[in-house]
Amino acid sequence: MQGDRIVEVGASVRRPPAAEVIDLGDSTLMPGLIDVHVHLFLHPGAEDLQTVEESVPQRTIIALLAARDDLMAGFSAERDMGTEGAGSADTAVRNAINHGEIPGPRLRISGNAVDILGGHEDANHYNPEQHVLSNATYANNAAELVAVIRQQFKEGADFIKIYETGADSYRDGHLSTPFQYTEAELRAAVEEAARTGKRVAVHATGEPGTLYAARAGVASVDHADQLSDETMRIMREKQIFAVPTFTISEYFADHAASPVQAERDHRALDLHAQEFRKQLAAGVPMAVGSDVGPFPHGTQAREFNLMVKYGMTPLAALQADLLNGARLLGWQDQIGALKPGYLADIIAVPGDPVSDISVLQKVTFVMKGGTVYRHDHQ
């Protein structure tokens, strides 16, 4: 490495006489991991209460600590999928990381996510006379979507996150979830983002919202619990990524408030796993995102284990993360591989992740941009 870039890769490389040598023994060196669905401004606990009770400055401090924890776990690039009521505070977090003022992953940020009145992230279960604010920014039609998107970009967003479905319910093994925006409204959002070279990601669990999102040309469908054959065909043809976020579902099921809720959540997870296998068979492109935040930051490599458990090979899971993740973040040819000219984002793990994907939960060395942040071998 020289500066923040990789110069040469191989079993034997040329190096200047005064170059520093870092001996990592028989560890496996690999590119830094990518998580395309994180919430830096969230932490374990009642999500609806923390976004109301905690101030934006307090939540920004929490986000800084979360970014550090994710980097130390080997995640050198992430997509923050909404501050959940902290507005554009993620702009300051991203910029501080970019300026080297705090440790953290490379970030693509969305600011506040976008939602309809009474939608998935609205404060629907509070006393209406208290006027509790939504965790997202309201936009109720195409014109309002365009105005909100322009404001988000003005405040520093790299992409737009839209809630397209919710709330979810299951009956006889089938997911029911109302859509929030029509196909035409989503297309207006996608076109407005594209006007400045940016993209839209959607929270979408099922039909018909997932179909509307795919037809509109979003960059990713996050969660993607159930997809119709037509939706899968479009996503394959347009190379729209599905981001299954299994880890958050497992965490909620394992930490449910009651046995009845736990059983319901585990059943929903099992159904998602079945649908995931159908999506793989249909050739839907995958990216790796955990939805970390409601469960502890720095533990999200569990997502790899679950994607393999539910049908991917370890190699396919790594490709979904490093290659597809880099493309989804718009950093292809910059990250996701150890090649000359790429950014020196490098981690070490004790073993071969192609034969045992769980070693990604045991990162022992982290370098980002040529700077060492973790070195357990010293």
Protein backbone atom coordinates (compact mmCIF):
# COMPACT_ATOMS: atom_id res chain seq x y z
CA MET A 1 0.00 0.00 0.00
CA GLN A 2 1.00 3.55 -0.60
CA GLY A 3 -1.14 6.30 0.87
CA ASP A 4 -4.74 5.09 0.85
CA ARG A 5 -4.36 2.78 -2.18
CA ILE A 6 -3.22 -0.73 -2.92
CA VAL A 7 -0.13 -0.73 -5.15
CA GLU A 8 0.62 -4.41 -5.60
CA VAL A 9 -0.92 -7.74 -4.57
CA GLY A 10 0.62 -11.21 -4.62
CA ALA A 11 2.58 -13.89 -2.81
CA SER A 12 5.67 -11.76 -3.41
CA VAL A 13 5.60 -8.00 -3.95
CA ARG A 14 8.17 -5.29 -4.50
CA ARG A 15 8.46 -2.77 -1.72
CA PRO A 16 10.75 0.13 -0.81
CA PRO A 17 13.54 -0.73 1.68
CA ALA A 18 11.98 1.45 4.41
CA ALA A 19 8.44 0.10 3.97
CA GLU A 20 6.59 -1.06 7.10
CA VAL A 21 5.80 -4.78 7.11
CA ILE A 22 2.70 -6.03 8.96
CA ASP A 23 2.88 -9.77 9.71
CA LEU A 24 -0.59 -11.29 10.13
CA GLY A 25 0.58 -14.90 10.24
CA ASP A 26 -1.67 -17.45 8.55
CA SER A 27 -4.78 -15.25 8.64
CA THR A 28 -6.89 -14.77 5.53
CA LEU A 29 -6.62 -11.27 4.08
CA MET A 30 -9.71 -9.98 2.32
CA PRO A 31 -11.43 -6.71 1.39
CA GLY A 32 -13.28 -4.83 4.10
CA LEU A 33 -16.88 -5.97 4.56
CA ILE A 34 -19.87 -3.99 3.30
CA ASP A 35 -23.24 -3.60 5.05
CA VAL A 36 -25.78 -1.93 2.77
CA HIS A 37 -28.52 -1.59 5.39
CA VAL A 38 -27.57 -0.07 8.75
CA HIS A 39 -29.09 2.38 11.22
CA LEU A 40 -26.28 4.21 12.99
CA PHE A 41 -28.74 6.32 14.96
CA LEU A 42 -30.52 3.35 16.55
CA HIS A 43 -29.54 1.04 19.40
CA PRO A 44 -31.16 -1.92 21.19
CA GLY A 45 -34.29 -1.01 23.11
CA ALA A 46 -37.70 0.44 22.35
CA GLU A 47 -37.15 2.03 18.94
CA ASP A 48 -40.31 4.12 19.07
CA LEU A 49 -39.34 5.58 22.46
CA GLN A 50 -35.64 6.24 21.82
CA THR A 51 -36.45 8.34 18.76
CA VAL A 52 -38.81 10.47 20.88
CA GLU A 53 -36.93 10.63 24.18
CA GLU A 54 -33.34 11.07 22.96
CA SER A 55 -32.23 14.41 21.54
CA VAL A 56 -30.61 14.65 18.12
CA PRO A 57 -27.23 15.57 19.70
CA GLN A 58 -27.44 12.50 21.95
CA ARG A 59 -28.40 10.30 19.02
CA THR A 60 -25.54 11.71 16.95
CA ILE A 61 -23.08 10.70 19.67
CA ILE A 62 -24.65 7.23 19.62
CA ALA A 63 -24.18 7.14 15.84
CA LEU A 64 -20.49 8.03 16.16
CA LEU A 65 -19.96 5.16 18.60
CA ALA A 66 -21.92 2.79 16.34
CA ALA A 67 -19.80 3.74 13.33
CA ARG A 68 -16.66 2.97 15.31
CA ASP A 69 -18.01 -0.41 16.43
CA ASP A 70 -18.95 -1.38 12.88
CA LEU A 71 -15.51 -0.46 11.54
CA MET A 72 -13.77 -2.45 14.28
CA ALA A 73 -15.89 -5.46 13.29
CA GLY A 74 -14.49 -5.23 9.76
CA PHE A 75 -17.18 -3.20 8.00
CA SER A 76 -15.32 -0.53 6.08
CA ALA A 77 -18.27 0.65 3.95
CA GLU A 78 -21.96 1.02 4.80
CA ARG A 79 -25.24 2.51 3.65
CA ASP A 80 -27.12 4.26 6.46
CA MET A 81 -30.81 3.67 5.74
CA GLY A 82 -32.38 6.58 7.53
CA THR A 83 -31.72 8.45 10.77
CA GLU A 84 -35.24 7.66 12.07
CA GLY A 85 -36.13 11.18 13.09
CA ALA A 86 -32.67 12.73 13.37
CA GLY A 87 -32.98 14.57 10.07
CA SER A 88 -29.72 15.14 8.21
CA ALA A 89 -27.47 14.57 11.24
CA ASP A 90 -25.88 11.68 9.35
CA THR A 91 -24.34 14.27 7.01
CA ALA A 92 -22.15 15.44 9.89
CA VAL A 93 -21.23 11.85 10.80
CA ARG A 94 -20.24 11.00 7.22
CA ASN A 95 -18.24 14.20 6.83
CA ALA A 96 -16.40 13.74 10.13
CA ILE A 97 -15.39 10.23 9.05
CA ASN A 98 -14.30 11.46 5.63
CA HIS A 99 -12.19 14.19 7.23
CA GLY A 100 -10.46 11.66 9.50
CA GLU A 101 -11.88 13.24 12.66
CA ILE A 102 -13.52 10.03 13.91
CA PRO A 103 -13.14 6.33 12.99
CA GLY A 104 -15.91 4.78 10.94
CA PRO A 105 -16.82 3.13 7.65
CA ARG A 106 -17.17 4.90 4.34
CA LEU A 107 -20.79 5.98 4.30
CA ARG A 108 -23.59 6.50 1.85
CA ILE A 109 -26.33 8.34 3.74
CA SER A 110 -30.00 9.07 3.16
CA GLY A 111 -30.88 11.56 5.89
CA ASN A 112 -34.43 11.03 7.11
CA ALA A 113 -36.36 8.35 5.23
CA VAL A 114 -39.55 9.31 3.39
CA ASP A 115 -43.03 8.11 4.32
CA ILE A 116 -46.72 8.91 3.87
CA LEU A 117 -48.99 10.34 6.55
CA GLY A 118 -50.00 7.40 8.73
CA GLY A 119 -47.39 5.21 7.05
CA HIS A 120 -44.93 2.63 8.32
CA GLU A 121 -42.75 5.02 10.34
CA ASP A 122 -45.41 7.48 11.47
CA ALA A 123 -46.22 7.87 15.18
CA ASN A 124 -49.47 5.93 14.78
CA HIS A 125 -49.99 4.63 18.30
CA TYR A 126 -49.60 7.77 20.37
CA ASN A 127 -52.17 10.20 21.70
CA PRO A 128 -52.87 12.32 18.60
CA GLU A 129 -53.30 15.41 20.76
CA GLN A 130 -49.61 15.18 21.68
CA HIS A 131 -48.62 15.56 18.01
CA VAL A 132 -45.71 13.11 18.22
CA LEU A 133 -43.64 13.48 15.08
CA SER A 134 -43.00 10.77 12.52
CA ASN A 135 -39.59 9.08 12.31
CA ALA A 136 -39.66 9.87 8.60
CA THR A 137 -40.35 12.91 6.42
CA TYR A 138 -43.87 13.15 5.01
CA ALA A 139 -44.52 13.10 1.27
CA ASN A 140 -48.05 12.23 0.18
CA ASN A 141 -47.88 12.50 -3.61
CA ALA A 142 -45.43 12.81 -6.48
CA ALA A 143 -45.00 16.56 -6.18
CA GLU A 144 -44.26 16.30 -2.45
CA LEU A 145 -41.82 13.44 -3.11
CA VAL A 146 -39.89 15.62 -5.54
CA ALA A 147 -39.79 18.52 -3.06
CA VAL A 148 -38.62 16.28 -0.20
CA ILE A 149 -35.96 14.64 -2.36
CA ARG A 150 -34.57 18.02 -3.36
CA GLN A 151 -34.44 19.05 0.29
CA GLN A 152 -32.73 15.80 1.30
CA PHE A 153 -30.05 16.28 -1.33
CA LYS A 154 -29.63 19.91 -0.30
CA GLU A 155 -28.89 18.71 3.24
CA GLY A 156 -26.28 16.20 2.07
CA ALA A 157 -28.02 12.90 1.32
CA ASP A 158 -26.25 10.52 -1.08
CA PHE A 159 -29.42 8.58 -1.92
CA ILE A 160 -33.10 8.48 -0.95
CA LYS A 161 -34.72 5.86 1.29
CA ILE A 162 -38.50 5.46 0.87
CA TYR A 163 -40.90 3.35 2.91
CA GLU A 164 -43.03 1.58 0.31
CA THR A 165 -44.88 -1.04 2.40
CA GLY A 166 -46.24 -1.63 5.90
CA ALA A 167 -47.61 -2.56 8.29
CA ASP A 168 -47.13 -6.29 7.65
CA SER A 169 -49.42 -9.15 8.60
CA TYR A 170 -49.42 -12.87 7.85
CA ARG A 171 -52.32 -15.19 7.11
CA ASP A 172 -52.06 -18.84 6.00
CA GLY A 173 -48.41 -18.43 5.09
CA HIS A 174 -48.92 -15.35 2.96
CA LEU A 175 -47.72 -11.84 3.66
CA SER A 176 -50.16 -8.96 3.41
CA THR A 177 -48.75 -5.45 3.35
CA PRO A 178 -50.30 -2.26 1.94
CA PHE A 179 -48.31 -0.20 -0.53
CA GLN A 180 -47.63 3.45 0.29
CA TYR A 181 -46.77 4.92 -3.10
CA THR A 182 -48.10 4.06 -6.54
CA GLU A 183 -45.80 2.99 -9.33
CA ALA A 184 -46.14 6.43 -10.92
CA GLU A 185 -45.21 8.17 -7.66
CA LEU A 186 -42.15 5.94 -7.19
CA ARG A 187 -41.13 6.55 -10.78
CA ALA A 188 -41.29 10.30 -10.14
CA ALA A 189 -38.99 9.82 -7.15
CA VAL A 190 -36.55 7.65 -9.12
CA GLU A 191 -36.47 10.16 -11.99
CA GLU A 192 -35.88 13.09 -9.66
CA ALA A 193 -33.02 11.31 -7.93
CA ALA A 194 -31.55 10.28 -11.29
CA ARG A 195 -31.60 13.92 -12.43
CA THR A 196 -28.60 14.48 -10.17
CA GLY A 197 -27.06 11.04 -10.66
CA LYS A 198 -28.48 9.53 -7.48
CA ARG A 199 -30.75 6.62 -6.65
CA VAL A 200 -33.64 5.43 -4.52
CA ALA A 201 -33.81 2.46 -2.14
CA VAL A 202 -37.09 1.18 -0.73
CA HIS A 203 -38.21 -0.59 2.39
CA ALA A 204 -40.56 -3.10 0.76
CA THR A 205 -41.56 -6.49 2.10
CA GLY A 206 -44.25 -7.71 -0.30
CA GLU A 207 -46.66 -7.20 -3.15
CA PRO A 208 -47.81 -5.07 -4.79
CA GLY A 209 -45.35 -2.49 -3.40
CA THR A 210 -42.32 -4.54 -4.39
CA LEU A 211 -43.61 -4.78 -7.97
CA TYR A 212 -44.24 -1.04 -8.13
CA ALA A 213 -40.69 -0.41 -6.87
CA ALA A 214 -39.13 -2.80 -9.37
CA ARG A 215 -41.05 -1.31 -12.29
CA ALA A 216 -40.06 2.19 -11.17
CA GLY A 217 -36.37 1.21 -11.26
CA VAL A 218 -35.20 1.53 -7.67
CA ALA A 219 -31.64 0.52 -6.76
CA SER A 220 -32.62 -2.01 -4.08
CA VAL A 221 -35.61 -3.64 -2.47
CA ASP A 222 -34.75 -3.98 1.20
CA HIS A 223 -36.27 -6.85 3.23
CA ALA A 224 -37.98 -8.42 0.17
CA ASP A 225 -39.85 -11.00 2.24
CA GLN A 226 -42.11 -12.10 -0.63
CA LEU A 227 -41.67 -11.30 -4.31
CA SER A 228 -43.95 -12.32 -7.16
CA ASP A 229 -42.57 -14.08 -10.23
CA GLU A 230 -42.99 -10.87 -12.22
CA THR A 231 -41.15 -8.83 -9.60
CA MET A 232 -38.30 -11.33 -9.52
CA ARG A 233 -38.07 -11.27 -13.31
CA ILE A 234 -37.84 -7.48 -13.39
CA MET A 235 -35.27 -7.39 -10.59
CA ARG A 236 -33.13 -9.95 -12.40
CA GLU A 237 -33.36 -8.09 -15.72
CA LYS A 238 -32.76 -4.63 -14.23
CA GLN A 239 -30.20 -5.91 -11.70
CA ILE A 240 -32.14 -4.50 -8.76
CA PHE A 241 -30.70 -5.88 -5.54
CA ALA A 242 -32.71 -7.66 -2.88
CA VAL A 243 -31.40 -7.08 0.65
CA PRO A 244 -32.93 -9.75 2.92
CA THR A 245 -31.87 -8.43 6.38
CA PHE A 246 -32.31 -11.78 8.14
CA THR A 247 -30.37 -10.80 11.26
CA ILE A 248 -32.86 -8.22 12.47
CA SER A 249 -35.71 -10.69 12.02
CA GLU A 250 -33.86 -13.34 13.99
CA TYR A 251 -33.03 -10.84 16.73
CA PHE A 252 -36.63 -9.70 17.11
CA ALA A 253 -37.85 -13.32 17.18
CA ASP A 254 -35.27 -14.25 19.82
CA HIS A 255 -36.09 -11.18 21.94
CA ALA A 256 -39.86 -11.09 21.52
CA ALA A 257 -42.03 -9.74 24.33
CA SER A 258 -44.01 -12.96 24.68
CA PRO A 259 -43.89 -16.62 23.60
CA VAL A 260 -46.79 -15.99 21.24
CA GLN A 261 -44.93 -13.12 19.57
CA ALA A 262 -41.75 -15.19 19.39
CA GLU A 263 -43.58 -18.01 17.63
CA ARG A 264 -45.15 -15.56 15.18
CA ASP A 265 -41.80 -13.90 14.44
CA HIS A 266 -39.99 -17.22 13.96
CA ARG A 267 -42.73 -18.38 11.59
CA ALA A 268 -42.35 -15.18 9.56
CA LEU A 269 -38.58 -15.72 9.41
CA ASP A 270 -39.07 -19.28 8.19
CA LEU A 271 -41.41 -18.05 5.47
CA HIS A 272 -38.88 -15.43 4.41
CA ALA A 273 -36.21 -18.13 4.22
CA GLN A 274 -38.42 -20.17 1.89
CA GLU A 275 -39.01 -17.13 -0.30
CA PHE A 276 -35.28 -16.36 -0.28
CA ARG A 277 -34.54 -19.74 -1.81
CA LYS A 278 -37.08 -19.02 -4.55
CA GLN A 279 -35.42 -15.66 -5.19
CA LEU A 280 -32.00 -17.29 -5.49
CA ALA A 281 -33.37 -19.85 -7.93
CA ALA A 282 -34.94 -17.05 -9.97
CA GLY A 283 -31.61 -15.23 -10.25
CA VAL A 284 -32.51 -12.18 -8.19
CA PRO A 285 -29.25 -10.34 -7.38
CA MET A 286 -28.49 -10.12 -3.67
CA ALA A 287 -26.60 -7.66 -1.48
CA VAL A 288 -25.77 -8.03 2.20
CA GLY A 289 -27.52 -5.76 4.68
CA SER A 290 -28.28 -6.56 8.30
CA ASP A 291 -30.54 -3.72 9.54
CA VAL A 292 -28.18 -3.37 12.50
CA GLY A 293 -29.11 -0.74 15.09
CA PRO A 294 -32.01 -2.35 16.91
CA PHE A 295 -29.44 -5.08 17.65
CA PRO A 296 -25.87 -4.23 18.71
CA HIS A 297 -23.57 -2.58 16.21
CA GLY A 298 -20.46 -4.58 15.42
CA THR A 299 -22.29 -7.93 15.54
CA GLN A 300 -23.89 -7.87 12.09
CA ALA A 301 -21.56 -10.37 10.41
CA ARG A 302 -24.22 -12.82 11.62
CA GLU A 303 -26.01 -11.90 8.37
CA PHE A 304 -23.51 -13.97 6.38
CA ASN A 305 -24.23 -17.06 8.50
CA LEU A 306 -27.96 -16.70 7.93
CA MET A 307 -27.70 -16.13 4.18
CA VAL A 308 -25.66 -19.33 3.95
CA LYS A 309 -28.02 -21.18 6.29
CA TYR A 310 -30.97 -20.24 4.10
CA GLY A 311 -29.51 -21.24 0.76
CA MET A 312 -26.42 -19.35 -0.45
CA THR A 313 -22.97 -20.85 -0.71
CA PRO A 314 -20.28 -19.05 1.30
CA LEU A 315 -18.67 -17.89 -1.94
CA ALA A 316 -21.97 -16.50 -3.25
CA ALA A 317 -22.54 -14.66 0.05
CA LEU A 318 -19.08 -13.10 -0.20
CA GLN A 319 -19.74 -12.06 -3.80
CA ALA A 320 -23.10 -10.58 -2.79
CA ASP A 321 -21.31 -8.52 -0.15
CA LEU A 322 -18.08 -7.44 -1.78
CA LEU A 323 -19.02 -7.19 -5.46
CA ASN A 324 -22.74 -6.37 -5.33
CA GLY A 325 -22.33 -4.21 -2.23
CA ALA A 326 -19.67 -2.12 -3.94
CA ARG A 327 -21.94 -1.68 -6.97
CA LEU A 328 -24.93 -0.73 -4.86
CA LEU A 329 -22.90 1.90 -3.00
CA GLY A 330 -21.53 3.22 -6.30
CA TRP A 331 -17.93 2.35 -5.38
CA GLN A 332 -17.26 -0.45 -7.84
CA ASP A 333 -13.63 -0.32 -8.98
CA GLN A 334 -12.82 1.31 -5.63
CA ILE A 335 -13.68 -1.24 -2.91
CA GLY A 336 -14.69 -4.89 -2.64
CA ALA A 337 -11.48 -6.42 -4.01
CA LEU A 338 -7.76 -6.48 -3.30
CA LYS A 339 -6.44 -5.05 -6.55
CA PRO A 340 -3.87 -2.42 -7.50
CA GLY A 341 -5.47 1.00 -7.52
CA TYR A 342 -8.30 0.03 -5.16
CA LEU A 343 -8.68 1.65 -1.76
CA ALA A 344 -6.66 -0.12 0.93
CA ASP A 345 -9.66 -1.38 2.91
CA ILE A 346 -8.38 -4.71 4.23
CA ILE A 347 -9.35 -7.07 7.04
CA ALA A 348 -7.96 -10.34 8.37
CA VAL A 349 -9.90 -13.34 9.67
CA PRO A 350 -8.62 -16.57 11.29
CA GLY A 351 -9.58 -19.12 8.67
CA ASP A 352 -11.07 -19.50 5.22
CA PRO A 353 -14.50 -17.84 4.84
CA VAL A 354 -15.15 -19.83 1.66
CA SER A 355 -15.22 -23.02 3.74
CA ASP A 356 -16.48 -21.48 7.02
CA ILE A 357 -18.39 -18.23 6.65
CA SER A 358 -18.59 -17.78 10.43
CA VAL A 359 -14.94 -16.63 10.57
CA LEU A 360 -16.22 -13.24 9.42
CA GLN A 361 -17.45 -12.81 12.99
CA LYS A 362 -13.86 -13.09 14.24
CA VAL A 363 -12.09 -10.20 12.53
CA THR A 364 -8.61 -9.61 13.97
CA PHE A 365 -7.25 -6.83 11.76
CA VAL A 366 -8.86 -3.77 10.17
CA MET A 367 -7.29 -1.29 7.77
CA LYS A 368 -9.27 1.43 6.02
CA GLY A 369 -7.68 3.69 3.47
CA GLY A 370 -4.21 2.50 4.49
CA THR A 371 -4.73 3.34 8.19
CA VAL A 372 -4.72 0.50 10.71
CA TYR A 373 -7.64 0.66 13.14
CA ARG A 374 -7.40 -2.80 14.68
CA HIS A 375 -4.44 -5.17 15.00
CA ASP A 376 -4.94 -8.08 17.37
CA HIS A 377 -1.72 -9.76 16.17
CA GLN A 378 0.61 -7.28 17.87
